[in-house]
Amino acid sequence: LAFLLTGHDEATAIALAGYAAAVSLVLRRAPLGGIVLAAVGWLAAATAYAFDLLDDRAYWLTRPFLTSASGVAALVCAAWFVFAWNWSRMGMPGDAVAFDLRRNLARILGAVVTFAWVHVELQRTVSLDVSTFLLVAYYAVTGVAAIGVGRARAIPPLRHVGLALAVFAAIKAMLATSSLSIGWRVGGYMLAGVFLLGVAYWYRGKGNTSASPDGTFTPEGAPAP
C-alpha cells in the first residue's frame, strides 16, 4: 500500500490506517501477537503521515478541524480506537497482572493519539492569545475528564494521566499566559483554578461514615464510642 501510494501522503495515511483497523478485527478470533505488532506498526506509520500533514499547514487557522489534514487525522484516530477495541478484547495468555496492563494500554492508545491531534489543532488557532487560552482549557478539561473516567472504569493509569494533565494546565496557565493581555491571563488563571478544584474533588478523602447506636456517626473502621 505504501509503495503504491508514494507521493500521496493523505491517501497513504488513510489506506494504512484502514488496513490496520481491518486486520485488527482478526484478533477477536485469532489472538496472534504478530498481528498486534504489525497493526501497531502500520498505525504508527499512518500517524506519522497524518501529523506531518498537520505540520505543513500555516499557523493561526480560522477554521481548525475543518482542513483536509484534519480529516485524515480524524480517520487515523478512529483506526486507533478500532484497533484498541479489538486488542483489549483479544484473549491474551499470561498472568492477570500482565493482562490488565495490556488491556489498559489498549484502552488508552486511541485517546493518546486523539489528544495529540486536538492539541496540534488548538495550537494553531486564530492567534497566540486564543490558542494559549484554549490549550489551558483543553488540558484542564481533559485532565478532570480522564480522572473521572479512570475512577468510573477502574483504570488507575488514566487517573494518573488526568492528574498530570490538570497540574500541567495550572503550570501552563501561570507560565504561558504571563505574556498575554490581562484579560486572557486572568481567564487562564481562573479556568485552571476551577478545574484544579475539580481534581481536588475527585481525589478528596471519601470519609465514609457509619451510624452508631446512639445516633452519632463514626468514621468507617474506627471503634464505636
C-alpha atoms as a PDB file:
ATOM      1  CA  LEU A   1       0.000   0.000   0.000  1.00  0.00           C
ATOM      2  CA  ALA A   2       2.751   2.432   0.927  1.00  0.00           C
ATOM      3  CA  PHE A   3       4.666   1.828  -2.310  1.00  0.00           C
ATOM      4  CA  LEU A   4       1.547   2.113  -4.472  1.00  0.00           C
ATOM      5  CA  LEU A   5       0.589   5.443  -2.919  1.00  0.00           C
ATOM      6  CA  THR A   6       4.049   7.025  -2.840  1.00  0.00           C
ATOM      7  CA  GLY A   7       3.746  10.789  -3.202  1.00  0.00           C
ATOM      8  CA  HIS A   8       0.157  10.878  -1.952  1.00  0.00           C
ATOM      9  CA  ASP A   9       0.538  11.282   1.791  1.00  0.00           C
ATOM     10  CA  GLU A  10      -3.166  11.723   2.542  1.00  0.00           C
ATOM     11  CA  ALA A  11      -4.138   8.566   0.644  1.00  0.00           C
ATOM     12  CA  THR A  12      -1.240   6.649   2.195  1.00  0.00           C
ATOM     13  CA  ALA A  13      -2.225   7.594   5.736  1.00  0.00           C
ATOM     14  CA  ILE A  14      -5.877   6.674   5.189  1.00  0.00           C
ATOM     15  CA  ALA A  15      -5.036   3.386   3.464  1.00  0.00           C
ATOM     16  CA  LEU A  16      -2.574   2.241   6.127  1.00  0.00           C
ATOM     17  CA  ALA A  17      -4.902   3.205   8.970  1.00  0.00           C
ATOM     18  CA  GLY A  18      -7.871   1.488   7.340  1.00  0.00           C
ATOM     19  CA  TYR A  19      -5.841  -1.652   6.650  1.00  0.00           C
ATOM     20  CA  ALA A  20      -4.605  -1.826  10.249  1.00  0.00           C
ATOM     21  CA  ALA A  21      -8.126  -1.353  11.612  1.00  0.00           C
ATOM     22  CA  ALA A  22      -9.496  -4.074   9.324  1.00  0.00           C
ATOM     23  CA  VAL A  23      -6.735  -6.525  10.204  1.00  0.00           C
ATOM     24  CA  SER A  24      -7.272  -5.904  13.923  1.00  0.00           C
ATOM     25  CA  LEU A  25     -10.722  -7.487  13.560  1.00  0.00           C
ATOM     26  CA  VAL A  26      -8.904 -10.810  13.144  1.00  0.00           C
ATOM     27  CA  LEU A  27      -7.655 -10.537  16.731  1.00  0.00           C
ATOM     28  CA  ARG A  28     -11.118 -11.338  18.053  1.00  0.00           C
ATOM     29  CA  ARG A  29     -10.867 -14.857  16.570  1.00  0.00           C
ATOM     30  CA  ALA A  30      -7.128 -15.404  16.200  1.00  0.00           C
ATOM     31  CA  PRO A  31      -5.142 -13.957  19.142  1.00  0.00           C
ATOM     32  CA  LEU A  32      -1.789 -13.690  17.370  1.00  0.00           C
ATOM     33  CA  GLY A  33       0.869 -11.378  18.764  1.00  0.00           C
ATOM     34  CA  GLY A  34       2.343 -10.825  15.310  1.00  0.00           C
ATOM     35  CA  ILE A  35      -0.869  -9.192  14.125  1.00  0.00           C
ATOM     36  CA  VAL A  36      -0.751  -6.819  17.090  1.00  0.00           C
ATOM     37  CA  LEU A  37       2.798  -5.724  16.288  1.00  0.00           C
ATOM     38  CA  ALA A  38       2.058  -5.355  12.584  1.00  0.00           C
ATOM     39  CA  ALA A  39      -1.095  -3.329  13.183  1.00  0.00           C
ATOM     40  CA  VAL A  40       0.729  -1.028  15.606  1.00  0.00           C
ATOM     41  CA  GLY A  41       3.474  -0.524  13.022  1.00  0.00           C
ATOM     42  CA  TRP A  42       1.005   0.385  10.273  1.00  0.00           C
ATOM     43  CA  LEU A  43      -0.900   2.707  12.563  1.00  0.00           C
ATOM     44  CA  ALA A  44       2.340   4.366  13.675  1.00  0.00           C
ATOM     45  CA  ALA A  45       3.260   4.994  10.026  1.00  0.00           C
ATOM     46  CA  ALA A  46      -0.221   6.374   9.300  1.00  0.00           C
ATOM     47  CA  THR A  47       0.033   8.623  12.353  1.00  0.00           C
ATOM     48  CA  ALA A  48       3.407   9.946  11.213  1.00  0.00           C
ATOM     49  CA  TYR A  49       1.954  10.789   7.800  1.00  0.00           C
ATOM     50  CA  ALA A  50      -1.085  12.464   9.366  1.00  0.00           C
ATOM     51  CA  PHE A  51       0.893  14.651  11.753  1.00  0.00           C
ATOM     52  CA  ASP A  52       3.319  15.615   9.000  1.00  0.00           C
ATOM     53  CA  LEU A  53       0.327  16.881   7.034  1.00  0.00           C
ATOM     54  CA  LEU A  54      -0.876  18.828  10.077  1.00  0.00           C
ATOM     55  CA  ASP A  55       2.548  20.439  10.494  1.00  0.00           C
ATOM     56  CA  ASP A  56       2.580  21.570   6.858  1.00  0.00           C
ATOM     57  CA  ARG A  57      -0.357  23.910   7.416  1.00  0.00           C
ATOM     58  CA  ALA A  58       0.002  27.600   8.160  1.00  0.00           C
ATOM     59  CA  TYR A  59      -0.305  28.941  11.703  1.00  0.00           C
ATOM     60  CA  TRP A  60      -3.331  30.776  13.122  1.00  0.00           C
ATOM     61  CA  LEU A  61      -6.048  28.905  11.277  1.00  0.00           C
ATOM     62  CA  THR A  62      -9.507  30.416  11.496  1.00  0.00           C
ATOM     63  CA  ARG A  63     -11.139  27.056  10.713  1.00  0.00           C
ATOM     64  CA  PRO A  64      -9.332  24.395  12.737  1.00  0.00           C
ATOM     65  CA  PHE A  65     -10.561  20.791  12.459  1.00  0.00           C
ATOM     66  CA  LEU A  66     -12.014  21.587   9.016  1.00  0.00           C
ATOM     67  CA  THR A  67      -8.945  21.160   6.802  1.00  0.00           C
ATOM     68  CA  SER A  68      -8.208  18.081   4.700  1.00  0.00           C
ATOM     69  CA  ALA A  69      -5.303  17.249   7.019  1.00  0.00           C
ATOM     70  CA  SER A  70      -7.718  17.361   9.943  1.00  0.00           C
ATOM     71  CA  GLY A  71      -9.948  14.838   8.203  1.00  0.00           C
ATOM     72  CA  VAL A  72      -7.023  12.483   7.670  1.00  0.00           C
ATOM     73  CA  ALA A  73      -6.022  12.809  11.337  1.00  0.00           C
ATOM     74  CA  ALA A  74      -9.590  12.087  12.442  1.00  0.00           C
ATOM     75  CA  LEU A  75      -9.678   8.885  10.372  1.00  0.00           C
ATOM     76  CA  VAL A  76      -6.316   7.772  11.772  1.00  0.00           C
ATOM     77  CA  CYS A  77      -7.570   8.376  15.319  1.00  0.00           C
ATOM     78  CA  ALA A  78     -10.691   6.340  14.554  1.00  0.00           C
ATOM     79  CA  ALA A  79      -8.491   3.481  13.310  1.00  0.00           C
ATOM     80  CA  TRP A  80      -6.533   3.577  16.584  1.00  0.00           C
ATOM     81  CA  PHE A  81      -9.808   3.233  18.522  1.00  0.00           C
ATOM     82  CA  VAL A  82     -10.903   0.273  16.384  1.00  0.00           C
ATOM     83  CA  PHE A  83      -7.563  -1.436  16.951  1.00  0.00           C
ATOM     84  CA  ALA A  84      -7.623  -0.698  20.693  1.00  0.00           C
ATOM     85  CA  TRP A  85     -11.181  -2.007  20.991  1.00  0.00           C
ATOM     86  CA  ASN A  86     -10.287  -5.315  19.337  1.00  0.00           C
ATOM     87  CA  TRP A  87      -6.944  -5.718  21.072  1.00  0.00           C
ATOM     88  CA  SER A  88      -8.459  -5.120  24.502  1.00  0.00           C
ATOM     89  CA  ARG A  89     -10.870  -7.990  23.836  1.00  0.00           C
ATOM     90  CA  MET A  90      -8.270 -10.355  22.482  1.00  0.00           C
ATOM     91  CA  GLY A  91      -7.727 -13.488  24.543  1.00  0.00           C
ATOM     92  CA  MET A  92      -4.138 -12.894  25.602  1.00  0.00           C
ATOM     93  CA  PRO A  93      -2.366 -15.622  27.593  1.00  0.00           C
ATOM     94  CA  GLY A  94      -0.379 -14.786  30.681  1.00  0.00           C
ATOM     95  CA  ASP A  95      -0.930 -13.812  34.267  1.00  0.00           C
ATOM     96  CA  ALA A  96      -3.707 -11.493  35.368  1.00  0.00           C
ATOM     97  CA  VAL A  97      -1.396  -8.528  36.074  1.00  0.00           C
ATOM     98  CA  ALA A  98       0.096  -8.607  32.559  1.00  0.00           C
ATOM     99  CA  PHE A  99      -3.354  -8.975  31.026  1.00  0.00           C
ATOM    100  CA  ASP A 100      -4.696  -5.958  32.925  1.00  0.00           C
ATOM    101  CA  LEU A 101      -1.671  -3.892  31.921  1.00  0.00           C
ATOM    102  CA  ARG A 102      -2.111  -4.670  28.222  1.00  0.00           C
ATOM    103  CA  ARG A 103      -5.865  -4.132  28.395  1.00  0.00           C
ATOM    104  CA  ASN A 104      -5.426  -0.700  29.993  1.00  0.00           C
ATOM    105  CA  LEU A 105      -2.772   0.201  27.430  1.00  0.00           C
ATOM    106  CA  ALA A 106      -5.140  -0.752  24.620  1.00  0.00           C
ATOM    107  CA  ARG A 107      -7.837   1.461  26.105  1.00  0.00           C
ATOM    108  CA  ILE A 108      -5.527   4.472  26.258  1.00  0.00           C
ATOM    109  CA  LEU A 109      -3.824   4.211  22.834  1.00  0.00           C
ATOM    110  CA  GLY A 110      -6.548   5.851  20.769  1.00  0.00           C
ATOM    111  CA  ALA A 111      -7.094   8.553  23.370  1.00  0.00           C
ATOM    112  CA  VAL A 112      -3.397   9.485  23.363  1.00  0.00           C
ATOM    113  CA  VAL A 113      -3.275   9.947  19.575  1.00  0.00           C
ATOM    114  CA  THR A 114      -6.553  11.877  19.598  1.00  0.00           C
ATOM    115  CA  PHE A 115      -5.301  14.109  22.410  1.00  0.00           C
ATOM    116  CA  ALA A 116      -2.180  14.930  20.399  1.00  0.00           C
ATOM    117  CA  TRP A 117      -4.241  15.714  17.295  1.00  0.00           C
ATOM    118  CA  VAL A 118      -6.561  18.129  19.118  1.00  0.00           C
ATOM    119  CA  HIS A 119      -3.512  19.741  20.740  1.00  0.00           C
ATOM    120  CA  VAL A 120      -1.990  20.454  17.316  1.00  0.00           C
ATOM    121  CA  GLU A 121      -5.275  21.924  16.078  1.00  0.00           C
ATOM    122  CA  LEU A 122      -5.666  24.250  19.069  1.00  0.00           C
ATOM    123  CA  GLN A 123      -2.007  25.254  18.930  1.00  0.00           C
ATOM    124  CA  ARG A 124      -2.621  26.861  15.528  1.00  0.00           C
ATOM    125  CA  THR A 125      -5.979  28.515  16.186  1.00  0.00           C
ATOM    126  CA  VAL A 126      -6.646  32.203  15.406  1.00  0.00           C
ATOM    127  CA  SER A 127      -3.842  33.856  17.441  1.00  0.00           C
ATOM    128  CA  LEU A 128      -1.322  33.291  20.218  1.00  0.00           C
ATOM    129  CA  ASP A 129      -3.716  34.618  22.874  1.00  0.00           C
ATOM    130  CA  VAL A 130      -6.625  32.473  21.752  1.00  0.00           C
ATOM    131  CA  SER A 131      -4.589  29.317  21.208  1.00  0.00           C
ATOM    132  CA  THR A 132      -2.855  29.580  24.599  1.00  0.00           C
ATOM    133  CA  PHE A 133      -6.140  30.051  26.437  1.00  0.00           C
ATOM    134  CA  LEU A 134      -7.747  27.160  24.549  1.00  0.00           C
ATOM    135  CA  LEU A 135      -4.801  24.890  25.351  1.00  0.00           C
ATOM    136  CA  VAL A 136      -5.041  25.674  29.071  1.00  0.00           C
ATOM    137  CA  ALA A 137      -8.760  24.922  28.938  1.00  0.00           C
ATOM    138  CA  TYR A 138      -8.116  21.742  26.945  1.00  0.00           C
ATOM    139  CA  TYR A 139      -5.560  20.386  29.414  1.00  0.00           C
ATOM    140  CA  ALA A 140      -7.800  21.185  32.365  1.00  0.00           C
ATOM    141  CA  VAL A 141     -10.971  19.691  30.873  1.00  0.00           C
ATOM    142  CA  THR A 142      -9.294  16.514  29.630  1.00  0.00           C
ATOM    143  CA  GLY A 143      -7.451  16.111  32.932  1.00  0.00           C
ATOM    144  CA  VAL A 144     -10.616  16.185  35.013  1.00  0.00           C
ATOM    145  CA  ALA A 145     -12.448  14.014  32.465  1.00  0.00           C
ATOM    146  CA  ALA A 146      -9.635  11.451  32.499  1.00  0.00           C
ATOM    147  CA  ILE A 147      -9.749  11.273  36.285  1.00  0.00           C
ATOM    148  CA  GLY A 148     -13.500  10.803  36.218  1.00  0.00           C
ATOM    149  CA  VAL A 149     -13.399   8.069  33.576  1.00  0.00           C
ATOM    150  CA  GLY A 150     -10.456   6.400  35.301  1.00  0.00           C
ATOM    151  CA  ARG A 151     -12.396   6.226  38.549  1.00  0.00           C
ATOM    152  CA  ALA A 152     -15.616   5.060  36.892  1.00  0.00           C
ATOM    153  CA  ARG A 153     -13.895   2.356  34.793  1.00  0.00           C
ATOM    154  CA  ALA A 154     -11.270   1.426  37.410  1.00  0.00           C
ATOM    155  CA  ILE A 155      -8.312   2.354  35.176  1.00  0.00           C
ATOM    156  CA  PRO A 156      -5.576   3.636  37.533  1.00  0.00           C
ATOM    157  CA  PRO A 157      -3.163   4.791  34.762  1.00  0.00           C
ATOM    158  CA  LEU A 158      -5.891   7.002  33.324  1.00  0.00           C
ATOM    159  CA  ARG A 159      -6.430   8.680  36.694  1.00  0.00           C
ATOM    160  CA  HIS A 160      -2.713   9.385  36.945  1.00  0.00           C
ATOM    161  CA  VAL A 161      -2.640  10.835  33.430  1.00  0.00           C
ATOM    162  CA  GLY A 162      -5.611  13.027  34.282  1.00  0.00           C
ATOM    163  CA  LEU A 163      -3.934  14.340  37.410  1.00  0.00           C
ATOM    164  CA  ALA A 164      -0.775  15.125  35.442  1.00  0.00           C
ATOM    165  CA  LEU A 165      -2.783  16.985  32.784  1.00  0.00           C
ATOM    166  CA  ALA A 166      -4.664  19.054  35.353  1.00  0.00           C
ATOM    167  CA  VAL A 167      -1.454  20.030  37.130  1.00  0.00           C
ATOM    168  CA  PHE A 168       0.191  20.825  33.788  1.00  0.00           C
ATOM    169  CA  ALA A 169      -2.774  23.048  32.906  1.00  0.00           C
ATOM    170  CA  ALA A 170      -2.166  25.039  36.088  1.00  0.00           C
ATOM    171  CA  ILE A 171       1.556  25.358  35.355  1.00  0.00           C
ATOM    172  CA  LYS A 172       0.868  26.414  31.767  1.00  0.00           C
ATOM    173  CA  ALA A 173      -1.674  28.960  32.972  1.00  0.00           C
ATOM    174  CA  MET A 174       0.964  30.531  35.235  1.00  0.00           C
ATOM    175  CA  LEU A 175       3.838  30.449  32.746  1.00  0.00           C
ATOM    176  CA  ALA A 176       2.487  30.547  29.207  1.00  0.00           C
ATOM    177  CA  THR A 177      -0.184  33.174  29.862  1.00  0.00           C
ATOM    178  CA  SER A 178       2.192  35.611  31.583  1.00  0.00           C
ATOM    179  CA  SER A 179       2.955  37.272  28.238  1.00  0.00           C
ATOM    180  CA  LEU A 180      -0.690  37.576  27.170  1.00  0.00           C
ATOM    181  CA  SER A 181      -3.032  40.511  27.622  1.00  0.00           C
ATOM    182  CA  ILE A 182      -4.565  40.920  31.079  1.00  0.00           C
ATOM    183  CA  GLY A 183      -7.974  39.577  30.083  1.00  0.00           C
ATOM    184  CA  TRP A 184      -6.662  36.321  28.639  1.00  0.00           C
ATOM    185  CA  ARG A 185      -4.237  35.959  31.544  1.00  0.00           C
ATOM    186  CA  VAL A 186      -6.906  36.297  34.235  1.00  0.00           C
ATOM    187  CA  GLY A 187      -9.200  33.998  32.287  1.00  0.00           C
ATOM    188  CA  GLY A 188      -6.496  31.342  32.086  1.00  0.00           C
ATOM    189  CA  TYR A 189      -5.785  31.554  35.819  1.00  0.00           C
ATOM    190  CA  MET A 190      -9.460  31.303  36.720  1.00  0.00           C
ATOM    191  CA  LEU A 191     -10.077  28.399  34.373  1.00  0.00           C
ATOM    192  CA  ALA A 192      -7.119  26.390  35.667  1.00  0.00           C
ATOM    193  CA  GLY A 193      -8.170  27.111  39.251  1.00  0.00           C
ATOM    194  CA  VAL A 194     -11.728  25.892  38.683  1.00  0.00           C
ATOM    195  CA  PHE A 195     -10.563  22.614  37.209  1.00  0.00           C
ATOM    196  CA  LEU A 196      -7.974  22.103  39.934  1.00  0.00           C
ATOM    197  CA  LEU A 197     -10.882  22.309  42.361  1.00  0.00           C
ATOM    198  CA  GLY A 198     -12.462  19.560  40.302  1.00  0.00           C
ATOM    199  CA  VAL A 199      -9.314  17.475  40.684  1.00  0.00           C
ATOM    200  CA  ALA A 200      -9.355  18.068  44.431  1.00  0.00           C
ATOM    201  CA  TYR A 201     -12.964  16.863  44.482  1.00  0.00           C
ATOM    202  CA  TRP A 202     -12.088  13.616  42.707  1.00  0.00           C
ATOM    203  CA  TYR A 203      -9.056  12.967  44.896  1.00  0.00           C
ATOM    204  CA  ARG A 204     -10.585  14.028  48.197  1.00  0.00           C
ATOM    205  CA  GLY A 205     -10.823  11.510  51.036  1.00  0.00           C
ATOM    206  CA  LYS A 206     -14.229   9.894  50.986  1.00  0.00           C
ATOM    207  CA  GLY A 207     -14.531   9.867  54.769  1.00  0.00           C
ATOM    208  CA  ASN A 208     -17.133   7.098  54.818  1.00  0.00           C
ATOM    209  CA  THR A 209     -19.178   7.153  57.955  1.00  0.00           C
ATOM    210  CA  SER A 210     -21.450   4.740  59.662  1.00  0.00           C
ATOM    211  CA  ALA A 211     -24.121   5.336  62.257  1.00  0.00           C
ATOM    212  CA  SER A 212     -23.579   4.188  65.810  1.00  0.00           C
ATOM    213  CA  PRO A 213     -26.427   3.030  68.074  1.00  0.00           C
ATOM    214  CA  ASP A 214     -26.662   6.402  69.830  1.00  0.00           C
ATOM    215  CA  GLY A 215     -27.299   8.220  66.552  1.00  0.00           C
ATOM    216  CA  THR A 216     -23.813   9.700  66.140  1.00  0.00           C
ATOM    217  CA  PHE A 217     -21.600   8.943  63.182  1.00  0.00           C
ATOM    218  CA  THR A 218     -18.253   7.227  63.371  1.00  0.00           C
ATOM    219  CA  PRO A 219     -15.627   7.040  60.572  1.00  0.00           C
ATOM    220  CA  GLU A 220     -15.660   3.639  58.933  1.00  0.00           C
ATOM    221  CA  GLY A 221     -13.174   1.305  60.552  1.00  0.00           C
ATOM    222  CA  ALA A 222     -12.950   3.294  63.800  1.00  0.00           C
ATOM    223  CA  PRO A 223     -14.255   1.803  67.065  1.00  0.00           C
ATOM    224  CA  ALA A 224     -17.725   2.932  68.056  1.00  0.00           C
ATOM    225  CA  PRO A 225     -17.875   5.217  71.117  1.00  0.00           C
END
